[in-house]
Amino acid sequence: MDNEQKSYMQKLSDKILEWDKKIDELRAEGKTAAGDAKNQYKKTADELAEKKKKAEEKLKELKAVGSESWDDIKRGIDQTIGDLSQAFDRAFSIFKK
């Protein structure tokens, strides 16, 4: 594995840790919310946690592949990461209003 691949995987690992913190933040805010908002926080945190889990699975898959398959897997991960980043942005923009 070359340095570019190691750097990319470290970047993904860091992003996953960031998402963990954001999910924890949503859960904490949800505990102090009332009524429907409390349920919405929980639902959103659960949905984001499930999507983050898929990103973690893709990262594991990427770590296991050989160099010849790496670029193909990376493209799929880039799409997953982009989608998940947008989901986090949307969730936080809704709750921060």
Protein backbone atom coordinates (compact mmCIF):
# COMPACT_ATOMS: atom_id res chain seq x y z
CA MET A 1 0.00 0.00 0.00
CA ASP A 2 1.46 3.34 -1.00
CA ASN A 3 1.47 6.58 0.97
CA GLU A 4 -1.45 8.05 -0.99
CA GLN A 5 -3.62 5.07 -0.08
CA LYS A 6 -2.57 5.21 3.58
CA SER A 7 -3.29 8.94 3.67
CA TYR A 8 -6.71 8.43 2.10
CA MET A 9 -7.65 5.71 4.57
CA GLN A 10 -6.48 7.86 7.50
CA LYS A 11 -8.62 10.71 6.19
CA LEU A 12 -11.63 8.38 6.08
CA SER A 13 -10.93 7.08 9.57
CA ASP A 14 -10.75 10.65 10.86
CA LYS A 15 -14.02 11.51 9.11
CA ILE A 16 -15.73 8.50 10.71
CA LEU A 17 -14.54 9.63 14.15
CA GLU A 18 -15.89 13.11 13.41
CA TRP A 19 -19.25 11.59 12.48
CA ASP A 20 -19.29 9.58 15.71
CA LYS A 21 -18.93 12.82 17.66
CA LYS A 22 -21.70 14.49 15.67
CA ILE A 23 -24.04 11.53 16.23
CA ASP A 24 -23.25 11.67 19.95
CA GLU A 25 -23.99 15.41 19.88
CA LEU A 26 -27.38 14.79 18.24
CA ARG A 27 -28.22 12.12 20.80
CA ALA A 28 -27.26 14.44 23.67
CA GLU A 29 -29.34 17.30 22.27
CA GLY A 30 -32.21 14.88 21.76
CA LYS A 31 -32.20 13.95 25.43
CA THR A 32 -32.92 17.54 26.37
CA ALA A 33 -35.50 18.11 23.63
CA ALA A 34 -39.21 17.78 24.18
CA GLY A 35 -42.00 16.00 22.37
CA ASP A 36 -41.68 15.44 18.65
CA ALA A 37 -38.26 17.06 18.54
CA LYS A 38 -36.90 14.38 20.87
CA ASN A 39 -38.17 11.66 18.54
CA GLN A 40 -36.77 13.45 15.49
CA TYR A 41 -33.33 13.74 17.08
CA LYS A 42 -33.33 10.03 17.86
CA LYS A 43 -34.56 9.04 14.41
CA THR A 44 -31.99 11.24 12.68
CA ALA A 45 -29.13 10.02 14.89
CA ASP A 46 -30.12 6.40 14.24
CA GLU A 47 -30.29 6.97 10.47
CA LEU A 48 -26.90 8.69 10.43
CA ALA A 49 -25.38 5.94 12.57
CA GLU A 50 -26.60 3.33 10.08
CA LYS A 51 -25.15 5.26 7.14
CA LYS A 52 -21.87 5.71 9.04
CA LYS A 53 -21.79 1.95 9.61
CA LYS A 54 -21.97 1.42 5.85
CA ALA A 55 -19.06 3.81 5.37
CA GLU A 56 -17.06 1.84 7.94
CA GLU A 57 -17.81 -1.36 6.04
CA LYS A 58 -16.59 0.25 2.82
CA LEU A 59 -13.39 1.32 4.58
CA LYS A 60 -12.81 -2.25 5.76
CA GLU A 61 -13.42 -3.44 2.21
CA LEU A 62 -10.92 -0.92 0.90
CA LYS A 63 -8.28 -2.07 3.39
CA ALA A 64 -8.71 -5.66 2.22
CA VAL A 65 -8.43 -5.16 -1.56
CA GLY A 66 -5.37 -5.30 -3.70
CA SER A 67 -3.95 -2.39 -5.63
CA GLU A 68 -5.73 -3.34 -8.84
CA SER A 69 -9.20 -3.05 -7.27
CA TRP A 70 -8.37 -0.10 -5.04
CA ASP A 71 -9.41 2.66 -7.46
CA ASP A 72 -12.78 1.03 -8.16
CA ILE A 73 -13.57 0.63 -4.47
CA LYS A 74 -12.32 4.17 -3.75
CA ARG A 75 -14.79 5.64 -6.25
CA GLY A 76 -17.65 3.90 -4.47
CA ILE A 77 -16.41 5.10 -1.11
CA ASP A 78 -16.09 8.66 -2.38
CA GLN A 79 -19.78 8.53 -3.34
CA THR A 80 -20.76 7.07 0.03
CA ILE A 81 -18.72 9.66 1.91
CA GLY A 82 -20.20 12.50 -0.15
CA ASP A 83 -23.75 11.28 0.45
CA LEU A 84 -23.14 10.86 4.15
CA SER A 85 -21.53 14.29 4.48
CA GLN A 86 -24.60 15.83 2.84
CA ALA A 87 -26.89 13.89 5.19
CA PHE A 88 -24.99 15.23 8.21
CA ASP A 89 -25.10 18.77 6.84
CA ARG A 90 -28.85 18.54 6.24
CA ALA A 91 -29.49 17.08 9.69
CA PHE A 92 -27.50 19.73 11.48
CA SER A 93 -29.01 22.56 9.46
CA ILE A 94 -32.49 21.39 10.45
CA PHE A 95 -31.71 21.14 14.16
CA LYS A 96 -29.68 24.33 14.36
CA LYS A 97 -32.56 26.55 13.20
